[in-house]
Amino acid sequence: MIRELGRDGFRRFRRALFARGHRLHSYVEARLLGDEEAASRAEAEASEDATSQRHLRSVRPRLEELQFPVTALEGHVMHKELGYQVG
C-alpha cells in the first residue's frame, strides 16, 4: 500500500483510518453509557465523512437491540505493530 500511496499518502490514509475508528468507538461508547450529548457530537463529526456515516448507520440498529444498562465496556487496548493504543 505504501508503494501505491507513497509515504505521505499512506500517513494521510492511516490518520483518516484511525480518526474513523475513533469516531465510531466514541459514538458506540457514548450510546452504551447513555450519554446522548456525546453521541450527538460523534454523529456530527461523522457527518463530515461518508465512510464514517456508513459505519454509524451500520451499527445503530445493533445498539438499539441491546438491553440497558450496559454493565461493561472495553478497557485498555493496544496493538504494537499498528501503533494503536486506546484507554
PDB file of N, CA and C in Angstrom:
ATOM      1  N   MET A   1       0.811  -1.179   0.000  1.00  0.00           N
ATOM      2  CA  MET A   1       0.000   0.000   0.000  1.00  0.00           C
ATOM      3  C   MET A   1       0.866   1.258   0.000  1.00  0.00           C
ATOM      4  N   ILE A   2       2.004   1.221   0.694  1.00  0.00           N
ATOM      5  CA  ILE A   2       2.896   2.371   0.701  1.00  0.00           C
ATOM      6  C   ILE A   2       3.396   2.648  -0.711  1.00  0.00           C
ATOM      7  N   ARG A   3       3.660   1.573  -1.461  1.00  0.00           N
ATOM      8  CA  ARG A   3       4.095   1.740  -2.845  1.00  0.00           C
ATOM      9  C   ARG A   3       3.046   2.483  -3.663  1.00  0.00           C
ATOM     10  N   GLU A   4       1.780   2.131  -3.439  1.00  0.00           N
ATOM     11  CA  GLU A   4       0.686   2.751  -4.188  1.00  0.00           C
ATOM     12  C   GLU A   4       0.458   4.206  -3.785  1.00  0.00           C
ATOM     13  N   LEU A   5       0.499   4.482  -2.477  1.00  0.00           N
ATOM     14  CA  LEU A   5       0.143   5.805  -1.972  1.00  0.00           C
ATOM     15  C   LEU A   5       1.335   6.713  -1.730  1.00  0.00           C
ATOM     16  N   GLY A   6       2.518   6.126  -1.609  1.00  0.00           N
ATOM     17  CA  GLY A   6       3.685   6.889  -1.180  1.00  0.00           C
ATOM     18  C   GLY A   6       3.638   7.039   0.330  1.00  0.00           C
ATOM     19  N   ARG A   7       4.748   7.425   0.912  1.00  0.00           N
ATOM     20  CA  ARG A   7       4.796   7.528   2.383  1.00  0.00           C
ATOM     21  C   ARG A   7       3.811   8.571   2.918  1.00  0.00           C
ATOM     22  N   ASP A   8       3.784   9.745   2.308  1.00  0.00           N
ATOM     23  CA  ASP A   8       2.865  10.783   2.791  1.00  0.00           C
ATOM     24  C   ASP A   8       1.414  10.372   2.589  1.00  0.00           C
ATOM     25  N   GLY A   9       1.119   9.780   1.460  1.00  0.00           N
ATOM     26  CA  GLY A   9      -0.241   9.316   1.200  1.00  0.00           C
ATOM     27  C   GLY A   9      -0.656   8.236   2.191  1.00  0.00           C
ATOM     28  N   PHE A  10       0.261   7.348   2.514  1.00  0.00           N
ATOM     29  CA  PHE A  10      -0.041   6.304   3.480  1.00  0.00           C
ATOM     30  C   PHE A  10      -0.272   6.903   4.866  1.00  0.00           C
ATOM     31  N   ARG A  11       0.520   7.898   5.241  1.00  0.00           N
ATOM     32  CA  ARG A  11       0.324   8.552   6.546  1.00  0.00           C
ATOM     33  C   ARG A  11      -1.059   9.207   6.606  1.00  0.00           C
ATOM     34  N   ARG A  12      -1.454   9.883   5.523  1.00  0.00           N
ATOM     35  CA  ARG A  12      -2.785  10.502   5.487  1.00  0.00           C
ATOM     36  C   ARG A  12      -3.878   9.441   5.579  1.00  0.00           C
ATOM     37  N   PHE A  13      -3.697   8.333   4.851  1.00  0.00           N
ATOM     38  CA  PHE A  13      -4.654   7.230   4.881  1.00  0.00           C
ATOM     39  C   PHE A  13      -4.783   6.668   6.294  1.00  0.00           C
ATOM     40  N   ARG A  14      -3.656   6.435   6.927  1.00  0.00           N
ATOM     41  CA  ARG A  14      -3.648   5.862   8.271  1.00  0.00           C
ATOM     42  C   ARG A  14      -4.287   6.805   9.283  1.00  0.00           C
ATOM     43  N   ARG A  15      -3.987   8.108   9.172  1.00  0.00           N
ATOM     44  CA  ARG A  15      -4.604   9.088  10.070  1.00  0.00           C
ATOM     45  C   ARG A  15      -6.120   9.088   9.914  1.00  0.00           C
ATOM     46  N   ALA A  16      -6.581   9.064   8.659  1.00  0.00           N
ATOM     47  CA  ALA A  16      -8.024   9.046   8.395  1.00  0.00           C
ATOM     48  C   ALA A  16      -8.656   7.768   8.931  1.00  0.00           C
ATOM     49  N   LEU A  17      -7.973   6.648   8.748  1.00  0.00           N
ATOM     50  CA  LEU A  17      -8.486   5.369   9.231  1.00  0.00           C
ATOM     51  C   LEU A  17      -8.634   5.382  10.753  1.00  0.00           C
ATOM     52  N   PHE A  18      -7.605   5.838  11.457  1.00  0.00           N
ATOM     53  CA  PHE A  18      -7.670   5.898  12.915  1.00  0.00           C
ATOM     54  C   PHE A  18      -8.723   6.906  13.377  1.00  0.00           C
ATOM     55  N   ALA A  19      -8.854   8.022  12.673  1.00  0.00           N
ATOM     56  CA  ALA A  19      -9.872   9.014  13.033  1.00  0.00           C
ATOM     57  C   ALA A  19     -11.269   8.413  12.890  1.00  0.00           C
ATOM     58  N   ARG A  20     -11.484   7.647  11.831  1.00  0.00           N
ATOM     59  CA  ARG A  20     -12.786   6.981  11.649  1.00  0.00           C
ATOM     60  C   ARG A  20     -13.047   5.994  12.782  1.00  0.00           C
ATOM     61  N   GLY A  21     -12.033   5.223  13.131  1.00  0.00           N
ATOM     62  CA  GLY A  21     -12.181   4.271  14.220  1.00  0.00           C
ATOM     63  C   GLY A  21     -12.490   4.974  15.533  1.00  0.00           C
ATOM     64  N   HIS A  22     -11.819   6.090  15.764  1.00  0.00           N
ATOM     65  CA  HIS A  22     -12.059   6.856  16.987  1.00  0.00           C
ATOM     66  C   HIS A  22     -13.494   7.378  17.022  1.00  0.00           C
ATOM     67  N   ARG A  23     -13.968   7.918  15.890  1.00  0.00           N
ATOM     68  CA  ARG A  23     -15.344   8.417  15.833  1.00  0.00           C
ATOM     69  C   ARG A  23     -16.338   7.305  16.116  1.00  0.00           C
ATOM     70  N   LEU A  24     -16.137   6.152  15.488  1.00  0.00           N
ATOM     71  CA  LEU A  24     -17.052   5.034  15.680  1.00  0.00           C
ATOM     72  C   LEU A  24     -17.047   4.571  17.131  1.00  0.00           C
ATOM     73  N   HIS A  25     -15.878   4.393  17.704  1.00  0.00           N
ATOM     74  CA  HIS A  25     -15.781   3.925  19.084  1.00  0.00           C
ATOM     75  C   HIS A  25     -16.347   4.956  20.059  1.00  0.00           C
ATOM     76  N   SER A  26     -16.117   6.240  19.788  1.00  0.00           N
ATOM     77  CA  SER A  26     -16.675   7.284  20.644  1.00  0.00           C
ATOM     78  C   SER A  26     -18.193   7.251  20.615  1.00  0.00           C
ATOM     79  N   TYR A  27     -18.746   7.067  19.435  1.00  0.00           N
ATOM     80  CA  TYR A  27     -20.197   7.000  19.292  1.00  0.00           C
ATOM     81  C   TYR A  27     -20.759   5.788  20.051  1.00  0.00           C
ATOM     82  N   VAL A  28     -20.165   4.630  19.832  1.00  0.00           N
ATOM     83  CA  VAL A  28     -20.642   3.408  20.481  1.00  0.00           C
ATOM     84  C   VAL A  28     -20.544   3.548  21.998  1.00  0.00           C
ATOM     85  N   GLU A  29     -19.412   4.024  22.494  1.00  0.00           N
ATOM     86  CA  GLU A  29     -19.240   4.180  23.931  1.00  0.00           C
ATOM     87  C   GLU A  29     -20.275   5.146  24.503  1.00  0.00           C
ATOM     88  N   ALA A  30     -20.482   6.269  23.829  1.00  0.00           N
ATOM     89  CA  ALA A  30     -21.458   7.247  24.316  1.00  0.00           C
ATOM     90  C   ALA A  30     -22.858   6.660  24.362  1.00  0.00           C
ATOM     91  N   ARG A  31     -23.229   5.936  23.320  1.00  0.00           N
ATOM     92  CA  ARG A  31     -24.563   5.312  23.308  1.00  0.00           C
ATOM     93  C   ARG A  31     -24.694   4.276  24.409  1.00  0.00           C
ATOM     94  N   LEU A  32     -23.663   3.469  24.618  1.00  0.00           N
ATOM     95  CA  LEU A  32     -23.721   2.442  25.653  1.00  0.00           C
ATOM     96  C   LEU A  32     -23.807   3.048  27.048  1.00  0.00           C
ATOM     97  N   LEU A  33     -23.183   4.201  27.220  1.00  0.00           N
ATOM     98  CA  LEU A  33     -23.219   4.866  28.515  1.00  0.00           C
ATOM     99  C   LEU A  33     -24.463   5.739  28.685  1.00  0.00           C
ATOM    100  N   GLY A  34     -25.245   5.859  27.616  1.00  0.00           N
ATOM    101  CA  GLY A  34     -26.439   6.690  27.681  1.00  0.00           C
ATOM    102  C   GLY A  34     -26.147   8.176  27.614  1.00  0.00           C
ATOM    103  N   ASP A  35     -24.982   8.547  27.119  1.00  0.00           N
ATOM    104  CA  ASP A  35     -24.574   9.950  27.001  1.00  0.00           C
ATOM    105  C   ASP A  35     -24.976  10.464  25.618  1.00  0.00           C
ATOM    106  N   GLU A  36     -26.207  10.896  25.501  1.00  0.00           N
ATOM    107  CA  GLU A  36     -26.734  11.314  24.199  1.00  0.00           C
ATOM    108  C   GLU A  36     -26.039  12.558  23.658  1.00  0.00           C
ATOM    109  N   GLU A  37     -25.572  13.432  24.554  1.00  0.00           N
ATOM    110  CA  GLU A  37     -24.850  14.629  24.115  1.00  0.00           C
ATOM    111  C   GLU A  37     -23.553  14.234  23.409  1.00  0.00           C
ATOM    112  N   ALA A  38     -22.786  13.315  24.002  1.00  0.00           N
ATOM    113  CA  ALA A  38     -21.538  12.845  23.390  1.00  0.00           C
ATOM    114  C   ALA A  38     -21.828  12.067  22.116  1.00  0.00           C
ATOM    115  N   ALA A  39     -22.903  11.287  22.100  1.00  0.00           N
ATOM    116  CA  ALA A  39     -23.277  10.540  20.891  1.00  0.00           C
ATOM    117  C   ALA A  39     -23.615  11.511  19.770  1.00  0.00           C
ATOM    118  N   SER A  40     -24.306  12.596  20.098  1.00  0.00           N
ATOM    119  CA  SER A  40     -24.642  13.606  19.087  1.00  0.00           C
ATOM    120  C   SER A  40     -23.390  14.281  18.539  1.00  0.00           C
ATOM    121  N   ARG A  41     -22.424  14.556  19.418  1.00  0.00           N
ATOM    122  CA  ARG A  41     -21.160  15.151  18.952  1.00  0.00           C
ATOM    123  C   ARG A  41     -20.441  14.198  18.003  1.00  0.00           C
ATOM    124  N   ALA A  42     -20.402  12.913  18.348  1.00  0.00           N
ATOM    125  CA  ALA A  42     -19.736  11.927  17.491  1.00  0.00           C
ATOM    126  C   ALA A  42     -20.455  11.822  16.150  1.00  0.00           C
ATOM    127  N   GLU A  43     -21.789  11.875  16.171  1.00  0.00           N
ATOM    128  CA  GLU A  43     -22.543  11.848  14.914  1.00  0.00           C
ATOM    129  C   GLU A  43     -22.229  13.074  14.073  1.00  0.00           C
ATOM    130  N   ALA A  44     -22.118  14.235  14.712  1.00  0.00           N
ATOM    131  CA  ALA A  44     -21.800  15.466  13.982  1.00  0.00           C
ATOM    132  C   ALA A  44     -20.427  15.363  13.321  1.00  0.00           C
ATOM    133  N   GLU A  45     -19.456  14.816  14.045  1.00  0.00           N
ATOM    134  CA  GLU A  45     -18.122  14.622  13.469  1.00  0.00           C
ATOM    135  C   GLU A  45     -18.185  13.651  12.292  1.00  0.00           C
ATOM    136  N   ALA A  46     -18.972  12.589  12.436  1.00  0.00           N
ATOM    137  CA  ALA A  46     -19.077  11.579  11.379  1.00  0.00           C
ATOM    138  C   ALA A  46     -19.757  12.134  10.142  1.00  0.00           C
ATOM    139  N   SER A  47     -20.581  13.154  10.316  1.00  0.00           N
ATOM    140  CA  SER A  47     -21.314  13.703   9.169  1.00  0.00           C
ATOM    141  C   SER A  47     -20.376  14.313   8.124  1.00  0.00           C
ATOM    142  N   GLU A  48     -19.144  14.577   8.512  1.00  0.00           N
ATOM    143  CA  GLU A  48     -18.164  15.162   7.594  1.00  0.00           C
ATOM    144  C   GLU A  48     -17.473  14.112   6.722  1.00  0.00           C
ATOM    145  N   ASP A  49     -17.742  12.823   6.986  1.00  0.00           N
ATOM    146  CA  ASP A  49     -17.047  11.745   6.282  1.00  0.00           C
ATOM    147  C   ASP A  49     -18.055  10.656   5.890  1.00  0.00           C
ATOM    148  N   ALA A  50     -18.199  10.406   4.602  1.00  0.00           N
ATOM    149  CA  ALA A  50     -19.192   9.432   4.115  1.00  0.00           C
ATOM    150  C   ALA A  50     -18.949   8.034   4.674  1.00  0.00           C
ATOM    151  N   THR A  51     -17.696   7.635   4.809  1.00  0.00           N
ATOM    152  CA  THR A  51     -17.396   6.303   5.352  1.00  0.00           C
ATOM    153  C   THR A  51     -17.834   6.207   6.806  1.00  0.00           C
ATOM    154  N   SER A  52     -17.546   7.243   7.591  1.00  0.00           N
ATOM    155  CA  SER A  52     -17.974   7.257   8.990  1.00  0.00           C
ATOM    156  C   SER A  52     -19.500   7.240   9.092  1.00  0.00           C
ATOM    157  N   GLN A  53     -20.174   7.924   8.194  1.00  0.00           N
ATOM    158  CA  GLN A  53     -21.639   7.903   8.190  1.00  0.00           C
ATOM    159  C   GLN A  53     -22.156   6.482   7.984  1.00  0.00           C
ATOM    160  N   ARG A  54     -21.547   5.762   7.049  1.00  0.00           N
ATOM    161  CA  ARG A  54     -21.958   4.373   6.800  1.00  0.00           C
ATOM    162  C   ARG A  54     -21.691   3.486   8.014  1.00  0.00           C
ATOM    163  N   HIS A  55     -20.565   3.723   8.691  1.00  0.00           N
ATOM    164  CA  HIS A  55     -20.255   2.945   9.896  1.00  0.00           C
ATOM    165  C   HIS A  55     -21.349   3.134  10.945  1.00  0.00           C
ATOM    166  N   LEU A  56     -21.732   4.378  11.188  1.00  0.00           N
ATOM    167  CA  LEU A  56     -22.752   4.650  12.202  1.00  0.00           C
ATOM    168  C   LEU A  56     -24.106   4.078  11.795  1.00  0.00           C
ATOM    169  N   ARG A  57     -24.458   4.208  10.521  1.00  0.00           N
ATOM    170  CA  ARG A  57     -25.724   3.628  10.056  1.00  0.00           C
ATOM    171  C   ARG A  57     -25.728   2.114  10.256  1.00  0.00           C
ATOM    172  N   SER A  58     -24.583   1.500  10.079  1.00  0.00           N
ATOM    173  CA  SER A  58     -24.472   0.053  10.210  1.00  0.00           C
ATOM    174  C   SER A  58     -24.624  -0.402  11.664  1.00  0.00           C
ATOM    175  N   VAL A  59     -24.037   0.317  12.584  1.00  0.00           N
ATOM    176  CA  VAL A  59     -24.018  -0.112  13.984  1.00  0.00           C
ATOM    177  C   VAL A  59     -25.253   0.349  14.766  1.00  0.00           C
ATOM    178  N   ARG A  60     -25.877   1.427  14.334  1.00  0.00           N
ATOM    179  CA  ARG A  60     -27.011   1.997  15.071  1.00  0.00           C
ATOM    180  C   ARG A  60     -28.115   0.970  15.366  1.00  0.00           C
ATOM    181  N   PRO A  61     -28.574   0.181  14.384  1.00  0.00           N
ATOM    182  CA  PRO A  61     -29.641  -0.796  14.682  1.00  0.00           C
ATOM    183  C   PRO A  61     -29.216  -1.849  15.709  1.00  0.00           C
ATOM    184  N   ARG A  62     -27.951  -2.234  15.707  1.00  0.00           N
ATOM    185  CA  ARG A  62     -27.483  -3.225  16.678  1.00  0.00           C
ATOM    186  C   ARG A  62     -27.499  -2.636  18.089  1.00  0.00           C
ATOM    187  N   LEU A  63     -27.122  -1.379  18.211  1.00  0.00           N
ATOM    188  CA  LEU A  63     -27.122  -0.744  19.526  1.00  0.00           C
ATOM    189  C   LEU A  63     -28.536  -0.646  20.083  1.00  0.00           C
ATOM    190  N   GLU A  64     -29.499  -0.445  19.201  1.00  0.00           N
ATOM    191  CA  GLU A  64     -30.891  -0.333  19.640  1.00  0.00           C
ATOM    192  C   GLU A  64     -31.435  -1.667  20.142  1.00  0.00           C
ATOM    193  N   GLU A  65     -30.791  -2.761  19.768  1.00  0.00           N
ATOM    194  CA  GLU A  65     -31.224  -4.090  20.214  1.00  0.00           C
ATOM    195  C   GLU A  65     -30.729  -4.439  21.615  1.00  0.00           C
ATOM    196  N   LEU A  66     -29.769  -3.695  22.120  1.00  0.00           N
ATOM    197  CA  LEU A  66     -29.173  -4.013  23.420  1.00  0.00           C
ATOM    198  C   LEU A  66     -30.102  -3.642  24.560  1.00  0.00           C
ATOM    199  N   GLN A  67     -29.931  -4.361  25.650  1.00  0.00           N
ATOM    200  CA  GLN A  67     -30.673  -4.037  26.864  1.00  0.00           C
ATOM    201  C   GLN A  67     -29.785  -3.167  27.742  1.00  0.00           C
ATOM    202  N   PHE A  68     -30.393  -2.188  28.340  1.00  0.00           N
ATOM    203  CA  PHE A  68     -29.657  -1.269  29.192  1.00  0.00           C
ATOM    204  C   PHE A  68     -30.091  -1.455  30.628  1.00  0.00           C
ATOM    205  N   PRO A  69     -29.297  -1.175  31.608  1.00  0.00           N
ATOM    206  CA  PRO A  69     -27.987  -0.554  31.468  1.00  0.00           C
ATOM    207  C   PRO A  69     -26.923  -1.569  31.060  1.00  0.00           C
ATOM    208  N   VAL A  70     -25.952  -1.084  30.327  1.00  0.00           N
ATOM    209  CA  VAL A  70     -24.803  -1.905  29.945  1.00  0.00           C
ATOM    210  C   VAL A  70     -23.876  -1.958  31.150  1.00  0.00           C
ATOM    211  N   THR A  71     -23.376  -3.126  31.459  1.00  0.00           N
ATOM    212  CA  THR A  71     -22.588  -3.276  32.686  1.00  0.00           C
ATOM    213  C   THR A  71     -21.083  -3.313  32.479  1.00  0.00           C
ATOM    214  N   ALA A  72     -20.608  -3.399  31.232  1.00  0.00           N
ATOM    215  CA  ALA A  72     -19.158  -3.438  30.999  1.00  0.00           C
ATOM    216  C   ALA A  72     -18.836  -2.833  29.640  1.00  0.00           C
ATOM    217  N   LEU A  73     -17.721  -2.137  29.574  1.00  0.00           N
ATOM    218  CA  LEU A  73     -17.190  -1.589  28.332  1.00  0.00           C
ATOM    219  C   LEU A  73     -15.744  -2.037  28.202  1.00  0.00           C
ATOM    220  N   GLU A  74     -15.182  -1.883  26.972  1.00  0.00           N
ATOM    221  CA  GLU A  74     -13.794  -2.289  26.793  1.00  0.00           C
ATOM    222  C   GLU A  74     -12.868  -1.427  27.621  1.00  0.00           C
ATOM    223  N   GLY A  75     -11.758  -2.003  27.964  1.00  0.00           N
ATOM    224  CA  GLY A  75     -10.744  -1.277  28.708  1.00  0.00           C
ATOM    225  C   GLY A  75      -9.601  -0.885  27.800  1.00  0.00           C
ATOM    226  N   HIS A  76      -8.413  -0.952  28.326  1.00  0.00           N
ATOM    227  CA  HIS A  76      -7.201  -0.584  27.609  1.00  0.00           C
ATOM    228  C   HIS A  76      -6.930  -1.563  26.461  1.00  0.00           C
ATOM    229  N   VAL A  77      -6.723  -1.018  25.259  1.00  0.00           N
ATOM    230  CA  VAL A  77      -6.426  -1.841  24.085  1.00  0.00           C
ATOM    231  C   VAL A  77      -5.171  -1.285  23.426  1.00  0.00           C
ATOM    232  N   MET A  78      -4.232  -2.179  23.089  1.00  0.00           N
ATOM    233  CA  MET A  78      -3.001  -1.730  22.448  1.00  0.00           C
ATOM    234  C   MET A  78      -2.598  -2.736  21.371  1.00  0.00           C
ATOM    235  N   HIS A  79      -2.165  -2.217  20.227  1.00  0.00           N
ATOM    236  CA  HIS A  79      -1.656  -3.053  19.143  1.00  0.00           C
ATOM    237  C   HIS A  79      -0.311  -2.460  18.739  1.00  0.00           C
ATOM    238  N   LYS A  80       0.772  -3.072  19.190  1.00  0.00           N
ATOM    239  CA  LYS A  80       2.111  -2.517  18.983  1.00  0.00           C
ATOM    240  C   LYS A  80       2.460  -2.355  17.515  1.00  0.00           C
ATOM    241  N   GLU A  81       2.139  -3.342  16.687  1.00  0.00           N
ATOM    242  CA  GLU A  81       2.524  -3.293  15.270  1.00  0.00           C
ATOM    243  C   GLU A  81       1.812  -2.177  14.513  1.00  0.00           C
ATOM    244  N   LEU A  82       0.578  -1.877  14.900  1.00  0.00           N
ATOM    245  CA  LEU A  82      -0.170  -0.801  14.231  1.00  0.00           C
ATOM    246  C   LEU A  82       0.026   0.538  14.920  1.00  0.00           C
ATOM    247  N   GLY A  83       0.660   0.516  16.077  1.00  0.00           N
ATOM    248  CA  GLY A  83       0.858   1.751  16.821  1.00  0.00           C
ATOM    249  C   GLY A  83      -0.464   2.293  17.328  1.00  0.00           C
ATOM    250  N   TYR A  84      -1.371   1.407  17.705  1.00  0.00           N
ATOM    251  CA  TYR A  84      -2.713   1.784  18.135  1.00  0.00           C
ATOM    252  C   TYR A  84      -2.845   1.564  19.628  1.00  0.00           C
ATOM    253  N   GLN A  85      -3.321   2.575  20.334  1.00  0.00           N
ATOM    254  CA  GLN A  85      -3.492   2.453  21.774  1.00  0.00           C
ATOM    255  C   GLN A  85      -4.699   3.267  22.202  1.00  0.00           C
ATOM    256  N   VAL A  86      -5.582   2.650  22.973  1.00  0.00           N
ATOM    257  CA  VAL A  86      -6.774   3.315  23.493  1.00  0.00           C
ATOM    258  C   VAL A  86      -6.938   2.936  24.946  1.00  0.00           C
ATOM    259  N   GLY A  87      -7.430   3.855  25.717  1.00  0.00           N
ATOM    260  CA  GLY A  87      -7.769   3.521  27.103  1.00  0.00           C
ATOM    261  C   GLY A  87      -6.897   4.159  28.115  1.00  0.00           C
TER     262      GLY A  87
END
